[in-house]
PDB file of N, CA and C in Angstrom:
ATOM      1  N   MET A   1       7.942 -12.205 -12.521  1.00  0.00           N
ATOM      2  CA  MET A   1       7.638 -10.785 -12.437  1.00  0.00           C
ATOM      3  C   MET A   1       8.863  -9.996 -12.876  1.00  0.00           C
ATOM      4  N   ALA A   2       8.678  -8.900 -13.523  1.00  0.00           N
ATOM      5  CA  ALA A   2       9.774  -8.095 -14.059  1.00  0.00           C
ATOM      6  C   ALA A   2      10.600  -7.470 -12.943  1.00  0.00           C
ATOM      7  N   VAL A   3      11.860  -7.213 -13.250  1.00  0.00           N
ATOM      8  CA  VAL A   3      12.763  -6.642 -12.259  1.00  0.00           C
ATOM      9  C   VAL A   3      12.263  -5.279 -11.784  1.00  0.00           C
ATOM     10  N   GLU A   4      11.807  -4.434 -12.729  1.00  0.00           N
ATOM     11  CA  GLU A   4      11.308  -3.117 -12.347  1.00  0.00           C
ATOM     12  C   GLU A   4      10.147  -3.240 -11.368  1.00  0.00           C
ATOM     13  N   SER A   5       9.288  -4.199 -11.613  1.00  0.00           N
ATOM     14  CA  SER A   5       8.139  -4.396 -10.746  1.00  0.00           C
ATOM     15  C   SER A   5       8.586  -4.864  -9.362  1.00  0.00           C
ATOM     16  N   ASN A   6       9.570  -5.751  -9.313  1.00  0.00           N
ATOM     17  CA  ASN A   6      10.103  -6.205  -8.024  1.00  0.00           C
ATOM     18  C   ASN A   6      10.683  -5.023  -7.256  1.00  0.00           C
ATOM     19  N   GLU A   7      11.434  -4.179  -7.953  1.00  0.00           N
ATOM     20  CA  GLU A   7      12.011  -3.006  -7.302  1.00  0.00           C
ATOM     21  C   GLU A   7      10.926  -2.059  -6.814  1.00  0.00           C
ATOM     22  N   GLN A   8       9.883  -1.897  -7.617  1.00  0.00           N
ATOM     23  CA  GLN A   8       8.781  -1.022  -7.226  1.00  0.00           C
ATOM     24  C   GLN A   8       8.081  -1.566  -5.982  1.00  0.00           C
ATOM     25  N   ILE A   9       7.806  -2.857  -5.968  1.00  0.00           N
ATOM     26  CA  ILE A   9       7.134  -3.450  -4.816  1.00  0.00           C
ATOM     27  C   ILE A   9       8.018  -3.350  -3.580  1.00  0.00           C
ATOM     28  N   ASN A  10       9.319  -3.586  -3.729  1.00  0.00           N
ATOM     29  CA  ASN A  10      10.229  -3.457  -2.592  1.00  0.00           C
ATOM     30  C   ASN A  10      10.251  -2.036  -2.052  1.00  0.00           C
ATOM     31  N   GLU A  11      10.243  -1.057  -2.940  1.00  0.00           N
ATOM     32  CA  GLU A  11      10.230   0.339  -2.505  1.00  0.00           C
ATOM     33  C   GLU A  11       8.914   0.669  -1.798  1.00  0.00           C
ATOM     34  N   LEU A  12       7.817   0.238  -2.379  1.00  0.00           N
ATOM     35  CA  LEU A  12       6.514   0.456  -1.738  1.00  0.00           C
ATOM     36  C   LEU A  12       6.466  -0.223  -0.376  1.00  0.00           C
ATOM     37  N   TYR A  13       6.990  -1.429  -0.310  1.00  0.00           N
ATOM     38  CA  TYR A  13       7.012  -2.170   0.949  1.00  0.00           C
ATOM     39  C   TYR A  13       7.840  -1.417   2.000  1.00  0.00           C
ATOM     40  N   ASP A  14       8.985  -0.881   1.591  1.00  0.00           N
ATOM     41  CA  ASP A  14       9.828  -0.132   2.526  1.00  0.00           C
ATOM     42  C   ASP A  14       9.074   1.036   3.146  1.00  0.00           C
ATOM     43  N   PHE A  15       8.263   1.714   2.360  1.00  0.00           N
ATOM     44  CA  PHE A  15       7.545   2.885   2.858  1.00  0.00           C
ATOM     45  C   PHE A  15       6.257   2.539   3.608  1.00  0.00           C
ATOM     46  N   TYR A  16       5.580   1.488   3.198  1.00  0.00           N
ATOM     47  CA  TYR A  16       4.231   1.244   3.710  1.00  0.00           C
ATOM     48  C   TYR A  16       4.042  -0.071   4.466  1.00  0.00           C
ATOM     49  N   HIS A  17       5.105  -0.813   4.742  1.00  0.00           N
ATOM     50  CA  HIS A  17       4.931  -2.134   5.343  1.00  0.00           C
ATOM     51  C   HIS A  17       4.212  -2.098   6.688  1.00  0.00           C
ATOM     52  N   GLU A  18       4.361  -1.017   7.417  1.00  0.00           N
ATOM     53  CA  GLU A  18       3.705  -0.951   8.723  1.00  0.00           C
ATOM     54  C   GLU A  18       2.192  -0.778   8.616  1.00  0.00           C
ATOM     55  N   LEU A  19       1.699  -0.459   7.434  1.00  0.00           N
ATOM     56  CA  LEU A  19       0.254  -0.342   7.233  1.00  0.00           C
ATOM     57  C   LEU A  19      -0.387  -1.676   6.859  1.00  0.00           C
ATOM     58  N   LEU A  20       0.430  -2.669   6.595  1.00  0.00           N
ATOM     59  CA  LEU A  20      -0.067  -3.983   6.197  1.00  0.00           C
ATOM     60  C   LEU A  20      -0.378  -4.838   7.415  1.00  0.00           C
ATOM     61  N   THR A  21      -1.228  -5.843   7.200  1.00  0.00           N
ATOM     62  CA  THR A  21      -1.454  -6.808   8.261  1.00  0.00           C
ATOM     63  C   THR A  21      -0.190  -7.652   8.424  1.00  0.00           C
ATOM     64  N   LYS A  22      -0.101  -8.346   9.532  1.00  0.00           N
ATOM     65  CA  LYS A  22       1.072  -9.188   9.769  1.00  0.00           C
ATOM     66  C   LYS A  22       1.204 -10.251   8.672  1.00  0.00           C
ATOM     67  N   LYS A  23       0.087 -10.830   8.280  1.00  0.00           N
ATOM     68  CA  LYS A  23       0.100 -11.865   7.242  1.00  0.00           C
ATOM     69  C   LYS A  23       0.564 -11.299   5.903  1.00  0.00           C
ATOM     70  N   GLN A  24       0.037 -10.145   5.532  1.00  0.00           N
ATOM     71  CA  GLN A  24       0.443  -9.512   4.272  1.00  0.00           C
ATOM     72  C   GLN A  24       1.945  -9.211   4.279  1.00  0.00           C
ATOM     73  N   ALA A  25       2.409  -8.627   5.366  1.00  0.00           N
ATOM     74  CA  ALA A  25       3.830  -8.269   5.463  1.00  0.00           C
ATOM     75  C   ALA A  25       4.708  -9.511   5.436  1.00  0.00           C
ATOM     76  N   THR A  26       4.280 -10.552   6.117  1.00  0.00           N
ATOM     77  CA  THR A  26       5.062 -11.788   6.153  1.00  0.00           C
ATOM     78  C   THR A  26       5.161 -12.410   4.769  1.00  0.00           C
ATOM     79  N   TYR A  27       4.051 -12.527   4.075  1.00  0.00           N
ATOM     80  CA  TYR A  27       4.065 -13.111   2.737  1.00  0.00           C
ATOM     81  C   TYR A  27       4.973 -12.315   1.795  1.00  0.00           C
ATOM     82  N   LEU A  28       4.838 -10.980   1.808  1.00  0.00           N
ATOM     83  CA  LEU A  28       5.672 -10.169   0.923  1.00  0.00           C
ATOM     84  C   LEU A  28       7.141 -10.271   1.299  1.00  0.00           C
ATOM     85  N   ASP A  29       7.422 -10.265   2.577  1.00  0.00           N
ATOM     86  CA  ASP A  29       8.806 -10.369   3.019  1.00  0.00           C
ATOM     87  C   ASP A  29       9.412 -11.697   2.584  1.00  0.00           C
ATOM     88  N   LEU A  30       8.680 -12.771   2.776  1.00  0.00           N
ATOM     89  CA  LEU A  30       9.193 -14.082   2.375  1.00  0.00           C
ATOM     90  C   LEU A  30       9.366 -14.163   0.855  1.00  0.00           C
ATOM     91  N   TYR A  31       8.403 -13.647   0.130  1.00  0.00           N
ATOM     92  CA  TYR A  31       8.431 -13.768  -1.328  1.00  0.00           C
ATOM     93  C   TYR A  31       9.493 -12.872  -1.959  1.00  0.00           C
ATOM     94  N   TYR A  32       9.540 -11.613  -1.546  1.00  0.00           N
ATOM     95  CA  TYR A  32      10.453 -10.664  -2.190  1.00  0.00           C
ATOM     96  C   TYR A  32      11.824 -10.592  -1.520  1.00  0.00           C
ATOM     97  N   ALA A  33      11.857 -10.506  -0.208  1.00  0.00           N
ATOM     98  CA  ALA A  33      13.144 -10.326   0.470  1.00  0.00           C
ATOM     99  C   ALA A  33      13.883 -11.646   0.672  1.00  0.00           C
ATOM    100  N   GLU A  34      13.141 -12.689   1.037  1.00  0.00           N
ATOM    101  CA  GLU A  34      13.772 -13.977   1.325  1.00  0.00           C
ATOM    102  C   GLU A  34      13.793 -14.914   0.124  1.00  0.00           C
ATOM    103  N   ASP A  35      13.133 -14.520  -0.953  1.00  0.00           N
ATOM    104  CA  ASP A  35      13.108 -15.278  -2.209  1.00  0.00           C
ATOM    105  C   ASP A  35      12.496 -16.674  -2.066  1.00  0.00           C
ATOM    106  N   TYR A  36      11.487 -16.768  -1.206  1.00  0.00           N
ATOM    107  CA  TYR A  36      10.748 -18.025  -1.092  1.00  0.00           C
ATOM    108  C   TYR A  36       9.845 -18.170  -2.311  1.00  0.00           C
ATOM    109  N   SER A  37       9.587 -19.389  -2.702  1.00  0.00           N
ATOM    110  CA  SER A  37       8.621 -19.630  -3.775  1.00  0.00           C
ATOM    111  C   SER A  37       7.218 -19.616  -3.180  1.00  0.00           C
ATOM    112  N   LEU A  38       6.231 -19.504  -4.061  1.00  0.00           N
ATOM    113  CA  LEU A  38       4.839 -19.566  -3.592  1.00  0.00           C
ATOM    114  C   LEU A  38       4.575 -20.886  -2.878  1.00  0.00           C
ATOM    115  N   GLY A  39       5.119 -21.966  -3.424  1.00  0.00           N
ATOM    116  CA  GLY A  39       4.931 -23.281  -2.819  1.00  0.00           C
ATOM    117  C   GLY A  39       5.541 -23.379  -1.438  1.00  0.00           C
ATOM    118  N   GLU A  40       6.717 -22.788  -1.250  1.00  0.00           N
ATOM    119  CA  GLU A  40       7.368 -22.824   0.062  1.00  0.00           C
ATOM    120  C   GLU A  40       6.571 -22.042   1.103  1.00  0.00           C
ATOM    121  N   ILE A  41       6.052 -20.903   0.694  1.00  0.00           N
ATOM    122  CA  ILE A  41       5.233 -20.102   1.614  1.00  0.00           C
ATOM    123  C   ILE A  41       3.952 -20.854   1.944  1.00  0.00           C
ATOM    124  N   ALA A  42       3.329 -21.425   0.922  1.00  0.00           N
ATOM    125  CA  ALA A  42       2.091 -22.180   1.120  1.00  0.00           C
ATOM    126  C   ALA A  42       2.308 -23.337   2.094  1.00  0.00           C
ATOM    127  N   GLU A  43       3.388 -24.033   1.928  1.00  0.00           N
ATOM    128  CA  GLU A  43       3.692 -25.168   2.804  1.00  0.00           C
ATOM    129  C   GLU A  43       3.915 -24.704   4.243  1.00  0.00           C
ATOM    130  N   GLN A  44       4.614 -23.605   4.404  1.00  0.00           N
ATOM    131  CA  GLN A  44       4.918 -23.087   5.736  1.00  0.00           C
ATOM    132  C   GLN A  44       3.646 -22.678   6.479  1.00  0.00           C
ATOM    133  N   PHE A  45       2.653 -22.175   5.761  1.00  0.00           N
ATOM    134  CA  PHE A  45       1.430 -21.684   6.397  1.00  0.00           C
ATOM    135  C   PHE A  45       0.231 -22.610   6.202  1.00  0.00           C
ATOM    136  N   SER A  46       0.474 -23.777   5.632  1.00  0.00           N
ATOM    137  CA  SER A  46      -0.574 -24.784   5.422  1.00  0.00           C
ATOM    138  C   SER A  46      -1.768 -24.218   4.654  1.00  0.00           C
ATOM    139  N   VAL A  47      -1.458 -23.508   3.566  1.00  0.00           N
ATOM    140  CA  VAL A  47      -2.497 -22.983   2.687  1.00  0.00           C
ATOM    141  C   VAL A  47      -2.122 -23.371   1.262  1.00  0.00           C
ATOM    142  N   SER A  48      -3.028 -23.110   0.336  1.00  0.00           N
ATOM    143  CA  SER A  48      -2.724 -23.450  -1.050  1.00  0.00           C
ATOM    144  C   SER A  48      -1.792 -22.415  -1.662  1.00  0.00           C
ATOM    145  N   ARG A  49      -1.118 -22.843  -2.692  1.00  0.00           N
ATOM    146  CA  ARG A  49      -0.230 -21.956  -3.448  1.00  0.00           C
ATOM    147  C   ARG A  49      -1.037 -20.788  -4.032  1.00  0.00           C
ATOM    148  N   GLN A  50      -2.245 -21.091  -4.490  1.00  0.00           N
ATOM    149  CA  GLN A  50      -3.122 -20.062  -5.056  1.00  0.00           C
ATOM    150  C   GLN A  50      -3.501 -19.024  -4.000  1.00  0.00           C
ATOM    151  N   ALA A  51      -3.732 -19.469  -2.766  1.00  0.00           N
ATOM    152  CA  ALA A  51      -4.074 -18.537  -1.684  1.00  0.00           C
ATOM    153  C   ALA A  51      -2.927 -17.563  -1.434  1.00  0.00           C
ATOM    154  N   VAL A  52      -1.702 -18.072  -1.460  1.00  0.00           N
ATOM    155  CA  VAL A  52      -0.530 -17.219  -1.263  1.00  0.00           C
ATOM    156  C   VAL A  52      -0.422 -16.226  -2.427  1.00  0.00           C
ATOM    157  N   TYR A  53      -0.554 -16.721  -3.643  1.00  0.00           N
ATOM    158  CA  TYR A  53      -0.479 -15.880  -4.829  1.00  0.00           C
ATOM    159  C   TYR A  53      -1.530 -14.761  -4.770  1.00  0.00           C
ATOM    160  N   ASP A  54      -2.767 -15.122  -4.456  1.00  0.00           N
ATOM    161  CA  ASP A  54      -3.847 -14.138  -4.385  1.00  0.00           C
ATOM    162  C   ASP A  54      -3.567 -13.083  -3.319  1.00  0.00           C
ATOM    163  N   ASN A  55      -3.069 -13.529  -2.168  1.00  0.00           N
ATOM    164  CA  ASN A  55      -2.762 -12.599  -1.084  1.00  0.00           C
ATOM    165  C   ASN A  55      -1.662 -11.629  -1.502  1.00  0.00           C
ATOM    166  N   ILE A  56      -0.615 -12.129  -2.135  1.00  0.00           N
ATOM    167  CA  ILE A  56       0.489 -11.280  -2.574  1.00  0.00           C
ATOM    168  C   ILE A  56       0.007 -10.268  -3.614  1.00  0.00           C
ATOM    169  N   LYS A  57      -0.780 -10.714  -4.571  1.00  0.00           N
ATOM    170  CA  LYS A  57      -1.270  -9.801  -5.615  1.00  0.00           C
ATOM    171  C   LYS A  57      -2.188  -8.718  -5.023  1.00  0.00           C
ATOM    172  N   ARG A  58      -3.058  -9.099  -4.092  1.00  0.00           N
ATOM    173  CA  ARG A  58      -3.924  -8.109  -3.434  1.00  0.00           C
ATOM    174  C   ARG A  58      -3.090  -7.103  -2.644  1.00  0.00           C
ATOM    175  N   THR A  59      -2.074  -7.612  -1.970  1.00  0.00           N
ATOM    176  CA  THR A  59      -1.219  -6.745  -1.162  1.00  0.00           C
ATOM    177  C   THR A  59      -0.440  -5.783  -2.049  1.00  0.00           C
ATOM    178  N   GLU A  60       0.046  -6.254  -3.190  1.00  0.00           N
ATOM    179  CA  GLU A  60       0.740  -5.368  -4.131  1.00  0.00           C
ATOM    180  C   GLU A  60      -0.180  -4.233  -4.571  1.00  0.00           C
ATOM    181  N   LYS A  61      -1.426  -4.569  -4.886  1.00  0.00           N
ATOM    182  CA  LYS A  61      -2.392  -3.539  -5.293  1.00  0.00           C
ATOM    183  C   LYS A  61      -2.651  -2.559  -4.151  1.00  0.00           C
ATOM    184  N   THR A  62      -2.697  -3.070  -2.939  1.00  0.00           N
ATOM    185  CA  THR A  62      -2.901  -2.224  -1.767  1.00  0.00           C
ATOM    186  C   THR A  62      -1.748  -1.241  -1.610  1.00  0.00           C
ATOM    187  N   LEU A  63      -0.527  -1.721  -1.794  1.00  0.00           N
ATOM    188  CA  LEU A  63       0.644  -0.846  -1.687  1.00  0.00           C
ATOM    189  C   LEU A  63       0.603   0.259  -2.732  1.00  0.00           C
ATOM    190  N   VAL A  64       0.219  -0.086  -3.951  1.00  0.00           N
ATOM    191  CA  VAL A  64       0.110   0.915  -5.020  1.00  0.00           C
ATOM    192  C   VAL A  64      -0.953   1.954  -4.652  1.00  0.00           C
ATOM    193  N   LYS A  65      -2.072   1.531  -4.098  1.00  0.00           N
ATOM    194  CA  LYS A  65      -3.127   2.466  -3.683  1.00  0.00           C
ATOM    195  C   LYS A  65      -2.649   3.382  -2.569  1.00  0.00           C
ATOM    196  N   TYR A  66      -1.871   2.838  -1.627  1.00  0.00           N
ATOM    197  CA  TYR A  66      -1.319   3.685  -0.562  1.00  0.00           C
ATOM    198  C   TYR A  66      -0.486   4.814  -1.156  1.00  0.00           C
ATOM    199  N   GLU A  67       0.372   4.474  -2.119  1.00  0.00           N
ATOM    200  CA  GLU A  67       1.214   5.504  -2.723  1.00  0.00           C
ATOM    201  C   GLU A  67       0.374   6.509  -3.509  1.00  0.00           C
ATOM    202  N   GLU A  68      -0.644   6.030  -4.213  1.00  0.00           N
ATOM    203  CA  GLU A  68      -1.511   6.948  -4.966  1.00  0.00           C
ATOM    204  C   GLU A  68      -2.162   7.966  -4.034  1.00  0.00           C
ATOM    205  N   LYS A  69      -2.536   7.524  -2.846  1.00  0.00           N
ATOM    206  CA  LYS A  69      -3.228   8.410  -1.908  1.00  0.00           C
ATOM    207  C   LYS A  69      -2.270   9.223  -1.041  1.00  0.00           C
ATOM    208  N   LEU A  70      -1.217   8.602  -0.529  1.00  0.00           N
ATOM    209  CA  LEU A  70      -0.347   9.259   0.437  1.00  0.00           C
ATOM    210  C   LEU A  70       0.864   9.956  -0.178  1.00  0.00           C
ATOM    211  N   GLN A  71       1.316   9.469  -1.324  1.00  0.00           N
ATOM    212  CA  GLN A  71       2.418  10.093  -2.065  1.00  0.00           C
ATOM    213  C   GLN A  71       3.721  10.216  -1.263  1.00  0.00           C
ATOM    214  N   LEU A  72       3.992   9.293  -0.352  1.00  0.00           N
ATOM    215  CA  LEU A  72       5.213   9.368   0.452  1.00  0.00           C
ATOM    216  C   LEU A  72       6.472   9.213  -0.397  1.00  0.00           C
ATOM    217  N   ILE A  73       6.451   8.301  -1.338  1.00  0.00           N
ATOM    218  CA  ILE A  73       7.625   8.082  -2.182  1.00  0.00           C
ATOM    219  C   ILE A  73       7.848   9.281  -3.098  1.00  0.00           C
ATOM    220  N   ALA A  74       6.787   9.797  -3.663  1.00  0.00           N
ATOM    221  CA  ALA A  74       6.903  10.971  -4.537  1.00  0.00           C
ATOM    222  C   ALA A  74       7.477  12.157  -3.768  1.00  0.00           C
ATOM    223  N   HIS A  75       6.992  12.385  -2.550  1.00  0.00           N
ATOM    224  CA  HIS A  75       7.514  13.488  -1.741  1.00  0.00           C
ATOM    225  C   HIS A  75       8.966  13.243  -1.347  1.00  0.00           C
ATOM    226  N   PHE A  76       9.298  12.020  -1.021  1.00  0.00           N
ATOM    227  CA  PHE A  76      10.677  11.690  -0.676  1.00  0.00           C
ATOM    228  C   PHE A  76      11.611  11.989  -1.841  1.00  0.00           C
ATOM    229  N   ARG A  77      11.203  11.619  -3.035  1.00  0.00           N
ATOM    230  CA  ARG A  77      12.036  11.885  -4.216  1.00  0.00           C
ATOM    231  C   ARG A  77      12.224  13.382  -4.449  1.00  0.00           C
ATOM    232  N   GLN A  78      11.166  14.159  -4.224  1.00  0.00           N
ATOM    233  CA  GLN A  78      11.275  15.610  -4.363  1.00  0.00           C
ATOM    234  C   GLN A  78      12.247  16.181  -3.341  1.00  0.00           C
ATOM    235  N   GLU A  79      12.137  15.719  -2.100  1.00  0.00           N
ATOM    236  CA  GLU A  79      13.040  16.195  -1.057  1.00  0.00           C
ATOM    237  C   GLU A  79      14.487  15.839  -1.380  1.00  0.00           C
ATOM    238  N   LEU A  80      14.687  14.614  -1.836  1.00  0.00           N
ATOM    239  CA  LEU A  80      16.031  14.173  -2.182  1.00  0.00           C
ATOM    240  C   LEU A  80      16.611  15.014  -3.322  1.00  0.00           C
ATOM    241  N   SER A  81      15.795  15.327  -4.298  1.00  0.00           N
ATOM    242  CA  SER A  81      16.231  16.170  -5.404  1.00  0.00           C
ATOM    243  C   SER A  81      16.632  17.560  -4.908  1.00  0.00           C
ATOM    244  N   LEU A  82      15.841  18.125  -4.019  1.00  0.00           N
ATOM    245  CA  LEU A  82      16.154  19.448  -3.477  1.00  0.00           C
ATOM    246  C   LEU A  82      17.438  19.427  -2.654  1.00  0.00           C
ATOM    247  N   VAL A  83      17.634  18.384  -1.880  1.00  0.00           N
ATOM    248  CA  VAL A  83      18.861  18.261  -1.092  1.00  0.00           C
ATOM    249  C   VAL A  83      20.068  18.175  -2.020  1.00  0.00           C
ATOM    250  N   ASN A  84      19.947  17.395  -3.074  1.00  0.00           N
ATOM    251  CA  ASN A  84      21.057  17.273  -4.026  1.00  0.00           C
ATOM    252  C   ASN A  84      21.360  18.604  -4.707  1.00  0.00           C
ATOM    253  N   GLN A  85      20.319  19.337  -5.064  1.00  0.00           N
ATOM    254  CA  GLN A  85      20.520  20.651  -5.684  1.00  0.00           C
ATOM    255  C   GLN A  85      21.193  21.617  -4.711  1.00  0.00           C
ATOM    256  N   LEU A  86      20.737  21.592  -3.473  1.00  0.00           N
ATOM    257  CA  LEU A  86      21.318  22.449  -2.447  1.00  0.00           C
ATOM    258  C   LEU A  86      22.785  22.102  -2.213  1.00  0.00           C
ATOM    259  N   ASN A  87      23.066  20.823  -2.142  1.00  0.00           N
ATOM    260  CA  ASN A  87      24.438  20.370  -1.949  1.00  0.00           C
ATOM    261  C   ASN A  87      25.331  20.821  -3.110  1.00  0.00           C
ATOM    262  N   ASP A  88      24.818  20.716  -4.319  1.00  0.00           N
ATOM    263  CA  ASP A  88      25.578  21.160  -5.489  1.00  0.00           C
ATOM    264  C   ASP A  88      25.871  22.669  -5.424  1.00  0.00           C
ATOM    265  N   LEU A  89      24.859  23.434  -5.038  1.00  0.00           N
ATOM    266  CA  LEU A  89      25.051  24.889  -4.937  1.00  0.00           C
ATOM    267  C   LEU A  89      26.080  25.244  -3.877  1.00  0.00           C
ATOM    268  N   VAL A  90      26.002  24.589  -2.734  1.00  0.00           N
ATOM    269  CA  VAL A  90      26.956  24.861  -1.658  1.00  0.00           C
ATOM    270  C   VAL A  90      28.364  24.514  -2.114  1.00  0.00           C
ATOM    271  N   THR A  91      28.504  23.363  -2.754  1.00  0.00           N
ATOM    272  CA  THR A  91      29.826  22.924  -3.220  1.00  0.00           C
ATOM    273  C   THR A  91      30.405  23.889  -4.251  1.00  0.00           C
ATOM    274  N   GLN A  92      29.557  24.380  -5.154  1.00  0.00           N
ATOM    275  CA  GLN A  92      30.030  25.266  -6.224  1.00  0.00           C
ATOM    276  C   GLN A  92      30.298  26.691  -5.749  1.00  0.00           C
ATOM    277  N   HIS A  93      29.400  27.222  -4.926  1.00  0.00           N
ATOM    278  CA  HIS A  93      29.461  28.642  -4.605  1.00  0.00           C
ATOM    279  C   HIS A  93      30.048  28.961  -3.227  1.00  0.00           C
ATOM    280  N   TYR A  94      29.985  28.009  -2.319  1.00  0.00           N
ATOM    281  CA  TYR A  94      30.468  28.265  -0.959  1.00  0.00           C
ATOM    282  C   TYR A  94      31.319  27.095  -0.459  1.00  0.00           C
ATOM    283  N   PRO A  95      32.349  26.718  -1.208  1.00  0.00           N
ATOM    284  CA  PRO A  95      33.130  25.532  -0.852  1.00  0.00           C
ATOM    285  C   PRO A  95      33.859  25.649   0.487  1.00  0.00           C
ATOM    286  N   GLU A  96      34.099  26.859   0.967  1.00  0.00           N
ATOM    287  CA  GLU A  96      34.849  27.052   2.214  1.00  0.00           C
ATOM    288  C   GLU A  96      33.939  27.233   3.429  1.00  0.00           C
ATOM    289  N   ASP A  97      32.647  27.340   3.223  1.00  0.00           N
ATOM    290  CA  ASP A  97      31.719  27.610   4.330  1.00  0.00           C
ATOM    291  C   ASP A  97      31.368  26.310   5.061  1.00  0.00           C
ATOM    292  N   GLU A  98      32.081  26.029   6.131  1.00  0.00           N
ATOM    293  CA  GLU A  98      31.895  24.783   6.881  1.00  0.00           C
ATOM    294  C   GLU A  98      30.537  24.728   7.582  1.00  0.00           C
ATOM    295  N   THR A  99      30.071  25.855   8.053  1.00  0.00           N
ATOM    296  CA  THR A  99      28.772  25.889   8.726  1.00  0.00           C
ATOM    297  C   THR A  99      27.660  25.504   7.760  1.00  0.00           C
ATOM    298  N   LEU A 100      27.713  26.061   6.579  1.00  0.00           N
ATOM    299  CA  LEU A 100      26.709  25.745   5.563  1.00  0.00           C
ATOM    300  C   LEU A 100      26.787  24.274   5.167  1.00  0.00           C
ATOM    301  N   LYS A 101      27.997  23.755   5.023  1.00  0.00           N
ATOM    302  CA  LYS A 101      28.170  22.334   4.697  1.00  0.00           C
ATOM    303  C   LYS A 101      27.585  21.443   5.789  1.00  0.00           C
ATOM    304  N   GLU A 102      27.779  21.825   7.047  1.00  0.00           N
ATOM    305  CA  GLU A 102      27.230  21.048   8.165  1.00  0.00           C
ATOM    306  C   GLU A 102      25.705  21.051   8.145  1.00  0.00           C
ATOM    307  N   LEU A 103      25.129  22.210   7.853  1.00  0.00           N
ATOM    308  CA  LEU A 103      23.667  22.295   7.772  1.00  0.00           C
ATOM    309  C   LEU A 103      23.114  21.434   6.641  1.00  0.00           C
ATOM    310  N   VAL A 104      23.762  21.442   5.498  1.00  0.00           N
ATOM    311  CA  VAL A 104      23.333  20.609   4.373  1.00  0.00           C
ATOM    312  C   VAL A 104      23.459  19.136   4.755  1.00  0.00           C
ATOM    313  N   ALA A 105      24.541  18.770   5.423  1.00  0.00           N
ATOM    314  CA  ALA A 105      24.730  17.374   5.848  1.00  0.00           C
ATOM    315  C   ALA A 105      23.625  16.951   6.818  1.00  0.00           C
ATOM    316  N   LYS A 106      23.239  17.839   7.735  1.00  0.00           N
ATOM    317  CA  LYS A 106      22.142  17.525   8.659  1.00  0.00           C
ATOM    318  C   LYS A 106      20.834  17.318   7.898  1.00  0.00           C
ATOM    319  N   PHE A 107      20.598  18.169   6.918  1.00  0.00           N
ATOM    320  CA  PHE A 107      19.390  18.048   6.106  1.00  0.00           C
ATOM    321  C   PHE A 107      19.397  16.736   5.331  1.00  0.00           C
ATOM    322  N   GLU A 108      20.560  16.374   4.770  1.00  0.00           N
ATOM    323  CA  GLU A 108      20.691  15.099   4.058  1.00  0.00           C
ATOM    324  C   GLU A 108      20.371  13.923   4.989  1.00  0.00           C
ATOM    325  N   ASN A 109      20.856  14.000   6.223  1.00  0.00           N
ATOM    326  CA  ASN A 109      20.592  12.932   7.193  1.00  0.00           C
ATOM    327  C   ASN A 109      19.109  12.821   7.512  1.00  0.00           C
ATOM    328  N   LEU A 110      18.436  13.971   7.601  1.00  0.00           N
ATOM    329  CA  LEU A 110      16.990  13.933   7.843  1.00  0.00           C
ATOM    330  C   LEU A 110      16.253  13.247   6.710  1.00  0.00           C
ATOM    331  N   VAL A 111      16.630  13.567   5.490  1.00  0.00           N
ATOM    332  CA  VAL A 111      15.984  12.967   4.332  1.00  0.00           C
ATOM    333  C   VAL A 111      16.311  11.473   4.269  1.00  0.00           C
ATOM    334  N   ASP A 112      17.551  11.110   4.526  1.00  0.00           N
ATOM    335  CA  ASP A 112      17.938   9.696   4.501  1.00  0.00           C
ATOM    336  C   ASP A 112      17.224   8.887   5.571  1.00  0.00           C
ATOM    337  N   ALA A 113      16.924   9.512   6.704  1.00  0.00           N
ATOM    338  CA  ALA A 113      16.263   8.813   7.804  1.00  0.00           C
ATOM    339  C   ALA A 113      14.815   8.467   7.490  1.00  0.00           C
ATOM    340  N   GLN A 114      14.245   9.139   6.498  1.00  0.00           N
ATOM    341  CA  GLN A 114      12.855   8.861   6.145  1.00  0.00           C
ATOM    342  C   GLN A 114      12.818   7.545   5.443  1.00  0.00           C
TER     343      GLN A 114
END
């Protein structure tokens, strides 16, 4: 699988893993985060390699559908962009205003916590 696709699935997993079944989350975690092969996962769960592959592919499609409907990643990116713009403005126009800097830092922390 391509690197971009792996990164996309990891990002989707980060946002939506709690919506997955335990089995779906476990398979994706083992495959993407722990770098297990399909055969290793299949052996661990006493299922066929094809069953693991099918489950992972279905789960990937499910994650993409979640993002299409819920748009959590898209909204997060918009928020992050706005925080960066705000931070740039504060740095350029109000470099001495500590209160404003603290408020921007709090906002950045809120966005990072998502």
